[in-house]
């Protein structure tokens, strides 16, 4: 997703601007205090962005709302002590998504080169399967009852697996 021009510059300006223009992330975006801060902040942002960007008041308000929403959620998690768990979850999701994209890219490249290992498969259905996280291997993982940190992954040699995959078992 492409970011709007000027948004990154606005974020930089907000980081360096005087504390009197800082939104209160403990309050909602539409609270009286934050409305007063926004009333002062928006003209300052317009002046700072002026030569290169000329966003409207509505656009600046939308951008500020987006930033406030994200920072408020992060602040609330930090206060509740859930931030480290959330950061691990976000990191794991990002890595999983990167892996999915690498698999799709590799499959497209193999189809482009007419690789004999992949030409027997339907291109559209294979790419759709790779893009959908609901498809997964029928592996079963068990947690050791005595030591919860140990996990055993059982991989079964299923009869319906293709010959290309079966050589690895």
N, C-alpha and C. Protein backbone atom coordinates (compact mmCIF):
# COMPACT_ATOMS: atom_id res chain seq x y z
N UNK A 1 0.84 -1.17 0.00
CA UNK A 1 0.00 0.00 0.00
C UNK A 1 0.89 1.24 0.00
N UNK A 2 0.66 2.14 -0.94
CA UNK A 2 1.46 3.35 -1.08
C UNK A 2 0.95 4.42 -0.12
N UNK A 3 1.90 5.04 0.59
CA UNK A 3 1.53 6.09 1.54
C UNK A 3 1.34 7.41 0.81
N UNK A 4 0.49 8.24 1.37
CA UNK A 4 0.21 9.55 0.78
C UNK A 4 1.45 10.43 0.88
N UNK A 5 1.70 11.24 -0.16
CA UNK A 5 2.86 12.14 -0.09
C UNK A 5 2.66 13.16 1.03
N UNK A 6 3.68 13.37 1.80
CA UNK A 6 3.60 14.33 2.90
C UNK A 6 3.38 13.69 4.25
N UNK A 7 2.88 12.46 4.28
CA UNK A 7 2.59 11.81 5.56
C UNK A 7 3.87 11.56 6.35
N UNK A 8 4.91 11.05 5.70
CA UNK A 8 6.17 10.80 6.40
C UNK A 8 6.80 12.10 6.90
N UNK A 9 6.71 13.15 6.09
CA UNK A 9 7.23 14.45 6.51
C UNK A 9 6.47 14.96 7.73
N UNK A 10 5.15 14.75 7.72
CA UNK A 10 4.32 15.18 8.85
C UNK A 10 4.71 14.41 10.12
N UNK A 11 4.97 13.11 9.99
CA UNK A 11 5.37 12.32 11.16
C UNK A 11 6.68 12.85 11.73
N UNK A 12 7.62 13.19 10.86
CA UNK A 12 8.90 13.75 11.31
C UNK A 12 8.70 15.08 12.02
N UNK A 13 7.85 15.91 11.47
CA UNK A 13 7.57 17.22 12.08
C UNK A 13 6.93 17.03 13.46
N UNK A 14 6.00 16.08 13.58
CA UNK A 14 5.33 15.83 14.86
C UNK A 14 6.34 15.39 15.92
N UNK A 15 7.34 14.60 15.51
CA UNK A 15 8.35 14.14 16.47
C UNK A 15 9.21 15.29 17.00
N UNK A 16 9.42 16.31 16.15
CA UNK A 16 10.33 17.39 16.53
C UNK A 16 9.62 18.65 17.02
N UNK A 17 8.31 18.67 16.95
CA UNK A 17 7.54 19.88 17.28
C UNK A 17 7.46 20.07 18.80
N UNK A 18 7.18 21.27 19.22
CA UNK A 18 7.09 21.64 20.63
C UNK A 18 6.04 20.77 21.34
N UNK A 19 6.28 20.49 22.62
CA UNK A 19 5.40 19.60 23.39
C UNK A 19 3.98 20.15 23.56
N UNK A 20 3.80 21.45 23.42
CA UNK A 20 2.44 22.01 23.55
C UNK A 20 1.54 21.54 22.41
N UNK A 21 2.14 21.07 21.30
CA UNK A 21 1.36 20.59 20.16
C UNK A 21 1.23 19.06 20.15
N UNK A 22 1.69 18.39 21.20
CA UNK A 22 1.62 16.92 21.25
C UNK A 22 0.23 16.46 21.67
N UNK A 23 -0.32 15.55 20.90
CA UNK A 23 -1.62 14.99 21.24
C UNK A 23 -1.49 14.10 22.47
N UNK A 24 -2.55 14.03 23.25
CA UNK A 24 -2.57 13.19 24.44
C UNK A 24 -3.10 11.82 24.03
N UNK A 25 -2.24 10.80 24.10
CA UNK A 25 -2.63 9.46 23.65
C UNK A 25 -3.40 8.69 24.72
N UNK A 26 -3.53 9.28 25.92
CA UNK A 26 -4.36 8.66 26.95
C UNK A 26 -5.83 9.01 26.74
N UNK A 27 -6.08 10.03 25.94
CA UNK A 27 -7.45 10.46 25.66
C UNK A 27 -7.81 10.12 24.21
N UNK A 28 -9.11 10.14 23.94
CA UNK A 28 -9.56 9.87 22.57
C UNK A 28 -9.17 11.02 21.65
N UNK A 29 -9.18 10.75 20.36
CA UNK A 29 -8.81 11.76 19.36
C UNK A 29 -9.76 12.95 19.40
N UNK A 30 -11.03 12.68 19.72
CA UNK A 30 -12.05 13.74 19.70
C UNK A 30 -12.27 14.39 21.07
N UNK A 31 -11.42 14.08 22.04
CA UNK A 31 -11.58 14.70 23.36
C UNK A 31 -11.36 16.21 23.24
N UNK A 32 -11.91 16.96 24.18
CA UNK A 32 -11.82 18.42 24.14
C UNK A 32 -10.36 18.88 24.14
N UNK A 33 -9.54 18.24 24.95
CA UNK A 33 -8.13 18.60 25.04
C UNK A 33 -7.42 18.38 23.70
N UNK A 34 -7.65 17.23 23.08
CA UNK A 34 -7.01 16.93 21.80
C UNK A 34 -7.55 17.81 20.67
N UNK A 35 -8.82 18.17 20.74
CA UNK A 35 -9.39 19.09 19.73
C UNK A 35 -8.70 20.45 19.81
N UNK A 36 -8.46 20.92 21.02
CA UNK A 36 -7.77 22.20 21.21
C UNK A 36 -6.33 22.12 20.69
N UNK A 37 -5.66 21.03 20.98
CA UNK A 37 -4.29 20.83 20.49
C UNK A 37 -4.28 20.79 18.96
N UNK A 38 -5.24 20.08 18.37
CA UNK A 38 -5.33 19.98 16.91
C UNK A 38 -5.58 21.35 16.28
N UNK A 39 -6.40 22.16 16.95
CA UNK A 39 -6.71 23.50 16.43
C UNK A 39 -5.44 24.33 16.30
N UNK A 40 -4.48 24.12 17.21
CA UNK A 40 -3.20 24.83 17.14
C UNK A 40 -2.20 24.11 16.22
N UNK A 41 -2.26 22.79 16.22
CA UNK A 41 -1.28 21.98 15.50
C UNK A 41 -1.43 22.03 13.98
N UNK A 42 -2.65 21.99 13.49
CA UNK A 42 -2.89 21.92 12.05
C UNK A 42 -2.30 23.13 11.31
N UNK A 43 -2.50 24.39 11.77
CA UNK A 43 -1.85 25.51 11.07
C UNK A 43 -0.32 25.41 11.08
N UNK A 44 0.24 24.92 12.18
CA UNK A 44 1.70 24.75 12.26
C UNK A 44 2.18 23.71 11.24
N UNK A 45 1.43 22.62 11.13
CA UNK A 45 1.79 21.58 10.15
C UNK A 45 1.68 22.12 8.73
N UNK A 46 0.63 22.88 8.46
CA UNK A 46 0.47 23.46 7.12
C UNK A 46 1.64 24.39 6.78
N UNK A 47 2.09 25.18 7.76
CA UNK A 47 3.23 26.08 7.52
C UNK A 47 4.50 25.27 7.26
N UNK A 48 4.69 24.21 8.04
CA UNK A 48 5.91 23.40 7.91
C UNK A 48 5.95 22.61 6.60
N UNK A 49 4.80 22.16 6.16
CA UNK A 49 4.72 21.36 4.93
C UNK A 49 4.58 22.23 3.67
N UNK A 50 4.28 23.53 3.86
CA UNK A 50 3.85 24.43 2.79
C UNK A 50 4.64 24.40 1.49
N UNK A 51 5.94 24.59 1.48
CA UNK A 51 6.56 24.73 0.16
C UNK A 51 6.42 23.47 -0.71
N UNK A 52 6.51 22.31 -0.11
CA UNK A 52 6.49 21.07 -0.88
C UNK A 52 5.11 20.43 -0.97
N UNK A 53 4.37 20.45 0.14
CA UNK A 53 3.05 19.82 0.20
C UNK A 53 2.01 20.82 0.68
N UNK A 54 0.81 20.69 0.16
CA UNK A 54 -0.29 21.56 0.59
C UNK A 54 -1.53 20.72 0.92
N UNK A 55 -1.46 19.92 1.99
CA UNK A 55 -2.63 19.11 2.35
C UNK A 55 -3.73 19.97 2.96
N UNK A 56 -4.96 19.54 2.76
CA UNK A 56 -6.11 20.27 3.32
C UNK A 56 -6.21 19.98 4.82
N UNK A 57 -7.04 20.77 5.49
CA UNK A 57 -7.28 20.55 6.92
C UNK A 57 -7.88 19.17 7.13
N UNK A 58 -8.79 18.77 6.24
CA UNK A 58 -9.43 17.45 6.34
C UNK A 58 -8.38 16.35 6.21
N UNK A 59 -7.46 16.49 5.24
CA UNK A 59 -6.43 15.47 5.05
C UNK A 59 -5.51 15.40 6.26
N UNK A 60 -5.09 16.54 6.78
CA UNK A 60 -4.24 16.55 7.97
C UNK A 60 -4.96 15.92 9.16
N UNK A 61 -6.25 16.20 9.30
CA UNK A 61 -7.03 15.61 10.40
C UNK A 61 -7.08 14.10 10.26
N UNK A 62 -7.27 13.60 9.04
CA UNK A 62 -7.30 12.15 8.82
C UNK A 62 -5.95 11.52 9.16
N UNK A 63 -4.87 12.16 8.72
CA UNK A 63 -3.53 11.65 9.02
C UNK A 63 -3.27 11.65 10.52
N UNK A 64 -3.62 12.74 11.18
CA UNK A 64 -3.43 12.82 12.64
C UNK A 64 -4.26 11.76 13.36
N UNK A 65 -5.48 11.54 12.89
CA UNK A 65 -6.34 10.51 13.48
C UNK A 65 -5.69 9.14 13.34
N UNK A 66 -5.15 8.86 12.17
CA UNK A 66 -4.50 7.57 11.93
C UNK A 66 -3.30 7.38 12.85
N UNK A 67 -2.46 8.41 12.95
CA UNK A 67 -1.29 8.34 13.82
C UNK A 67 -1.72 8.20 15.28
N UNK A 68 -2.72 8.98 15.69
CA UNK A 68 -3.21 8.93 17.07
C UNK A 68 -3.75 7.54 17.41
N UNK A 69 -4.51 6.96 16.49
CA UNK A 69 -5.09 5.63 16.72
C UNK A 69 -3.99 4.60 16.95
N UNK A 70 -2.97 4.61 16.12
CA UNK A 70 -1.87 3.66 16.25
C UNK A 70 -1.09 3.88 17.54
N UNK A 71 -0.74 5.11 17.81
CA UNK A 71 0.06 5.42 19.01
C UNK A 71 -0.73 5.20 20.29
N UNK A 72 -2.03 5.46 20.26
CA UNK A 72 -2.88 5.23 21.44
C UNK A 72 -2.95 3.73 21.74
N UNK A 73 -3.13 2.92 20.69
CA UNK A 73 -3.19 1.47 20.89
C UNK A 73 -1.87 0.95 21.46
N UNK A 74 -0.75 1.45 20.94
CA UNK A 74 0.56 1.04 21.44
C UNK A 74 0.75 1.48 22.89
N UNK A 75 0.35 2.71 23.21
CA UNK A 75 0.48 3.21 24.58
C UNK A 75 -0.37 2.40 25.55
N UNK A 76 -1.56 2.03 25.12
CA UNK A 76 -2.44 1.25 26.00
C UNK A 76 -1.85 -0.14 26.25
N UNK A 77 -1.27 -0.74 25.21
CA UNK A 77 -0.64 -2.06 25.39
C UNK A 77 0.58 -1.95 26.28
N UNK A 78 1.35 -0.88 26.10
CA UNK A 78 2.54 -0.69 26.93
C UNK A 78 2.13 -0.55 28.39
N UNK A 79 1.06 0.20 28.66
CA UNK A 79 0.59 0.40 30.04
C UNK A 79 0.05 -0.89 30.64
N UNK A 80 -0.53 -1.76 29.82
CA UNK A 80 -1.09 -3.01 30.34
C UNK A 80 -0.04 -4.12 30.40
N UNK A 81 1.15 -3.87 29.87
CA UNK A 81 2.21 -4.87 29.89
C UNK A 81 2.12 -5.89 28.77
N UNK A 82 1.26 -5.68 27.80
CA UNK A 82 1.08 -6.64 26.70
C UNK A 82 1.92 -6.30 25.47
N UNK A 83 2.66 -5.21 25.51
CA UNK A 83 3.39 -4.77 24.31
C UNK A 83 4.42 -5.80 23.83
N UNK A 84 5.26 -6.38 24.70
CA UNK A 84 6.23 -7.36 24.19
C UNK A 84 5.57 -8.54 23.47
N UNK A 85 4.45 -9.04 24.01
CA UNK A 85 3.75 -10.15 23.36
C UNK A 85 3.21 -9.72 22.00
N UNK A 86 2.68 -8.49 21.93
CA UNK A 86 2.13 -8.00 20.67
C UNK A 86 3.24 -7.82 19.64
N UNK A 87 4.39 -7.31 20.07
CA UNK A 87 5.50 -7.13 19.14
C UNK A 87 5.98 -8.48 18.61
N UNK A 88 6.00 -9.50 19.46
CA UNK A 88 6.37 -10.85 18.99
C UNK A 88 5.36 -11.35 17.98
N UNK A 89 4.08 -11.11 18.24
CA UNK A 89 3.02 -11.56 17.32
C UNK A 89 3.15 -10.86 15.98
N UNK A 90 3.36 -9.55 16.02
CA UNK A 90 3.51 -8.78 14.77
C UNK A 90 4.73 -9.26 14.00
N UNK A 91 5.83 -9.48 14.71
CA UNK A 91 7.06 -9.96 14.05
C UNK A 91 6.83 -11.33 13.42
N UNK A 92 6.17 -12.22 14.15
CA UNK A 92 5.90 -13.56 13.61
C UNK A 92 4.98 -13.48 12.39
N UNK A 93 3.98 -12.63 12.45
CA UNK A 93 3.07 -12.47 11.30
C UNK A 93 3.82 -11.92 10.09
N UNK A 94 4.70 -10.96 10.32
CA UNK A 94 5.47 -10.39 9.21
C UNK A 94 6.38 -11.43 8.57
N UNK A 95 7.02 -12.24 9.41
CA UNK A 95 7.91 -13.29 8.87
C UNK A 95 7.10 -14.33 8.11
N UNK A 96 5.93 -14.68 8.63
CA UNK A 96 5.08 -15.65 7.96
C UNK A 96 4.61 -15.11 6.61
N UNK A 97 4.27 -13.84 6.57
CA UNK A 97 3.84 -13.22 5.32
C UNK A 97 4.99 -13.15 4.31
N UNK A 98 6.20 -12.82 4.79
CA UNK A 98 7.37 -12.79 3.91
C UNK A 98 7.63 -14.17 3.32
N UNK A 99 7.50 -15.20 4.14
CA UNK A 99 7.71 -16.58 3.67
C UNK A 99 6.68 -16.93 2.60
N UNK A 100 5.43 -16.55 2.83
CA UNK A 100 4.37 -16.82 1.86
C UNK A 100 4.69 -16.14 0.53
N UNK A 101 5.13 -14.89 0.58
CA UNK A 101 5.46 -14.16 -0.64
C UNK A 101 6.65 -14.79 -1.37
N UNK A 102 7.64 -15.28 -0.62
CA UNK A 102 8.78 -15.96 -1.25
C UNK A 102 8.33 -17.23 -1.96
N UNK A 103 7.42 -17.98 -1.33
CA UNK A 103 6.91 -19.21 -1.95
C UNK A 103 6.17 -18.91 -3.25
N UNK A 104 5.35 -17.86 -3.23
CA UNK A 104 4.60 -17.47 -4.43
C UNK A 104 5.56 -17.04 -5.53
N UNK A 105 6.55 -16.25 -5.16
CA UNK A 105 7.53 -15.77 -6.14
C UNK A 105 8.30 -16.95 -6.75
N UNK A 106 8.70 -17.91 -5.92
CA UNK A 106 9.42 -19.08 -6.41
C UNK A 106 8.55 -19.91 -7.35
N UNK A 107 7.28 -20.09 -6.98
CA UNK A 107 6.37 -20.88 -7.82
C UNK A 107 6.17 -20.20 -9.17
N UNK A 108 6.01 -18.89 -9.18
CA UNK A 108 5.84 -18.16 -10.44
C UNK A 108 7.09 -18.30 -11.31
N UNK A 109 8.24 -18.22 -10.69
CA UNK A 109 9.50 -18.36 -11.44
C UNK A 109 9.63 -19.77 -12.01
N UNK A 110 9.25 -20.79 -11.24
CA UNK A 110 9.31 -22.17 -11.73
C UNK A 110 8.34 -22.37 -12.89
N UNK A 111 7.14 -21.79 -12.80
CA UNK A 111 6.19 -21.88 -13.91
C UNK A 111 6.74 -21.15 -15.14
N UNK A 112 7.38 -20.00 -14.92
CA UNK A 112 7.93 -19.23 -16.04
C UNK A 112 9.02 -20.02 -16.78
N UNK A 113 9.82 -20.78 -16.02
CA UNK A 113 10.90 -21.57 -16.60
C UNK A 113 10.44 -22.95 -17.07
N UNK A 114 9.14 -23.24 -16.91
CA UNK A 114 8.58 -24.56 -17.26
C UNK A 114 9.34 -25.69 -16.57
N UNK A 115 9.56 -25.53 -15.30
CA UNK A 115 10.26 -26.54 -14.51
C UNK A 115 9.45 -27.83 -14.51
N UNK A 116 10.08 -28.98 -14.80
CA UNK A 116 9.33 -30.25 -14.87
C UNK A 116 8.72 -30.67 -13.53
N UNK A 117 9.26 -30.19 -12.42
CA UNK A 117 8.70 -30.55 -11.11
C UNK A 117 7.37 -29.87 -10.82
N UNK A 118 7.06 -28.81 -11.54
CA UNK A 118 5.87 -28.03 -11.20
C UNK A 118 4.85 -27.96 -12.34
N UNK A 119 5.23 -28.35 -13.55
CA UNK A 119 4.34 -28.20 -14.70
C UNK A 119 3.10 -29.09 -14.63
N UNK A 120 3.14 -30.15 -13.83
CA UNK A 120 1.98 -31.04 -13.71
C UNK A 120 0.85 -30.42 -12.91
N UNK A 121 1.13 -29.35 -12.19
CA UNK A 121 0.14 -28.74 -11.32
C UNK A 121 -0.55 -27.57 -12.00
N UNK A 122 -1.80 -27.33 -11.62
CA UNK A 122 -2.55 -26.20 -12.14
C UNK A 122 -1.99 -24.92 -11.52
N UNK A 123 -1.56 -24.00 -12.37
CA UNK A 123 -0.90 -22.78 -11.90
C UNK A 123 -1.80 -21.95 -11.00
N UNK A 124 -3.05 -21.70 -11.45
CA UNK A 124 -3.95 -20.84 -10.68
C UNK A 124 -4.27 -21.43 -9.31
N UNK A 125 -4.58 -22.73 -9.27
CA UNK A 125 -4.95 -23.33 -7.98
C UNK A 125 -3.74 -23.41 -7.05
N UNK A 126 -2.55 -23.66 -7.60
CA UNK A 126 -1.36 -23.72 -6.75
C UNK A 126 -1.04 -22.34 -6.16
N UNK A 127 -1.11 -21.31 -6.99
CA UNK A 127 -0.84 -19.95 -6.49
C UNK A 127 -1.89 -19.51 -5.48
N UNK A 128 -3.14 -19.91 -5.72
CA UNK A 128 -4.21 -19.58 -4.77
C UNK A 128 -3.97 -20.28 -3.44
N UNK A 129 -3.52 -21.55 -3.50
CA UNK A 129 -3.23 -22.30 -2.29
C UNK A 129 -2.06 -21.67 -1.53
N UNK A 130 -1.03 -21.25 -2.25
CA UNK A 130 0.12 -20.63 -1.59
C UNK A 130 -0.24 -19.29 -0.95
N UNK A 131 -1.18 -18.58 -1.54
CA UNK A 131 -1.58 -17.27 -1.02
C UNK A 131 -2.50 -17.38 0.19
N UNK A 132 -3.15 -18.52 0.35
CA UNK A 132 -4.13 -18.69 1.43
C UNK A 132 -3.48 -19.40 2.61
N UNK A 133 -3.50 -18.77 3.77
CA UNK A 133 -2.89 -19.38 4.96
C UNK A 133 -3.71 -20.55 5.51
N UNK A 134 -4.93 -20.72 5.02
CA UNK A 134 -5.77 -21.81 5.53
C UNK A 134 -5.23 -23.17 5.09
N UNK A 135 -4.50 -23.21 3.97
CA UNK A 135 -3.89 -24.46 3.53
C UNK A 135 -2.64 -24.69 4.35
N UNK A 136 -2.50 -25.87 4.87
CA UNK A 136 -1.33 -26.16 5.67
C UNK A 136 -1.02 -27.65 5.62
N UNK A 137 0.13 -27.98 6.10
CA UNK A 137 0.56 -29.37 6.13
C UNK A 137 -0.18 -30.09 7.26
N UNK A 138 -0.50 -31.38 7.07
CA UNK A 138 -1.20 -32.11 8.13
C UNK A 138 -0.26 -32.59 9.23
N UNK A 139 0.71 -31.78 9.56
CA UNK A 139 1.63 -32.13 10.63
C UNK A 139 0.94 -31.89 11.97
N UNK A 140 1.26 -32.71 12.92
CA UNK A 140 0.69 -32.57 14.25
C UNK A 140 1.82 -32.21 15.20
N UNK A 141 1.58 -31.24 16.06
CA UNK A 141 2.61 -30.92 17.04
C UNK A 141 2.06 -31.22 18.43
N UNK A 142 2.91 -31.82 19.22
CA UNK A 142 2.55 -32.18 20.59
C UNK A 142 3.51 -31.47 21.53
N UNK A 143 2.98 -31.01 22.65
CA UNK A 143 3.81 -30.38 23.66
C UNK A 143 4.10 -31.41 24.73
N UNK A 144 5.35 -31.48 25.14
CA UNK A 144 5.76 -32.41 26.17
C UNK A 144 5.05 -32.04 27.47
N UNK A 145 4.40 -33.02 28.10
CA UNK A 145 3.64 -32.76 29.32
C UNK A 145 4.52 -32.32 30.48
N UNK A 146 5.73 -32.88 30.57
CA UNK A 146 6.62 -32.54 31.68
C UNK A 146 7.34 -31.22 31.47
N UNK A 147 7.76 -30.96 30.23
CA UNK A 147 8.49 -29.73 29.93
C UNK A 147 7.76 -29.00 28.82
N UNK A 148 7.00 -27.96 29.18
CA UNK A 148 6.15 -27.24 28.22
C UNK A 148 6.95 -26.52 27.13
N UNK A 149 8.25 -26.32 27.35
CA UNK A 149 9.05 -25.63 26.34
C UNK A 149 9.43 -26.54 25.17
N UNK A 150 9.26 -27.86 25.35
CA UNK A 150 9.61 -28.81 24.29
C UNK A 150 8.37 -29.13 23.45
N UNK A 151 8.55 -29.06 22.14
CA UNK A 151 7.47 -29.39 21.22
C UNK A 151 7.96 -30.43 20.24
N UNK A 152 7.15 -31.44 20.00
CA UNK A 152 7.48 -32.50 19.05
C UNK A 152 6.55 -32.35 17.85
N UNK A 153 7.14 -32.31 16.65
CA UNK A 153 6.35 -32.21 15.43
C UNK A 153 6.36 -33.58 14.77
N UNK A 154 5.17 -34.16 14.61
CA UNK A 154 5.04 -35.46 13.95
C UNK A 154 4.67 -35.24 12.49
N UNK A 155 5.51 -35.74 11.59
CA UNK A 155 5.25 -35.63 10.16
C UNK A 155 4.94 -37.02 9.65
N UNK A 156 3.80 -37.18 9.02
CA UNK A 156 3.37 -38.49 8.56
C UNK A 156 3.57 -38.62 7.05
N UNK A 157 3.97 -39.81 6.61
CA UNK A 157 4.13 -40.08 5.18
C UNK A 157 2.77 -40.52 4.65
N UNK A 158 2.02 -39.58 4.14
CA UNK A 158 0.67 -39.85 3.67
C UNK A 158 0.68 -40.40 2.25
N UNK A 159 -0.25 -41.30 1.95
CA UNK A 159 -0.27 -41.97 0.65
C UNK A 159 -0.57 -41.01 -0.50
N UNK A 160 -1.27 -39.94 -0.24
CA UNK A 160 -1.64 -39.03 -1.31
C UNK A 160 -0.56 -38.02 -1.66
N UNK A 161 0.55 -38.02 -0.92
CA UNK A 161 1.62 -37.07 -1.23
C UNK A 161 2.27 -37.41 -2.56
N UNK A 162 2.71 -36.38 -3.26
CA UNK A 162 3.36 -36.59 -4.56
C UNK A 162 4.74 -37.21 -4.36
N UNK A 163 5.26 -37.81 -5.42
CA UNK A 163 6.57 -38.46 -5.36
C UNK A 163 7.67 -37.45 -5.05
N UNK A 164 7.52 -36.21 -5.52
CA UNK A 164 8.54 -35.19 -5.29
C UNK A 164 8.68 -34.88 -3.80
N UNK A 165 7.58 -34.89 -3.08
CA UNK A 165 7.60 -34.59 -1.66
C UNK A 165 8.00 -35.82 -0.85
N UNK A 166 7.60 -36.99 -1.30
CA UNK A 166 7.85 -38.23 -0.55
C UNK A 166 9.33 -38.55 -0.40
N UNK A 167 10.17 -38.08 -1.31
CA UNK A 167 11.60 -38.40 -1.20
C UNK A 167 12.23 -37.78 0.04
N UNK A 168 11.58 -36.80 0.63
CA UNK A 168 12.13 -36.15 1.82
C UNK A 168 11.75 -36.86 3.11
N UNK A 169 10.95 -37.91 3.04
CA UNK A 169 10.52 -38.62 4.26
C UNK A 169 11.16 -39.96 4.37
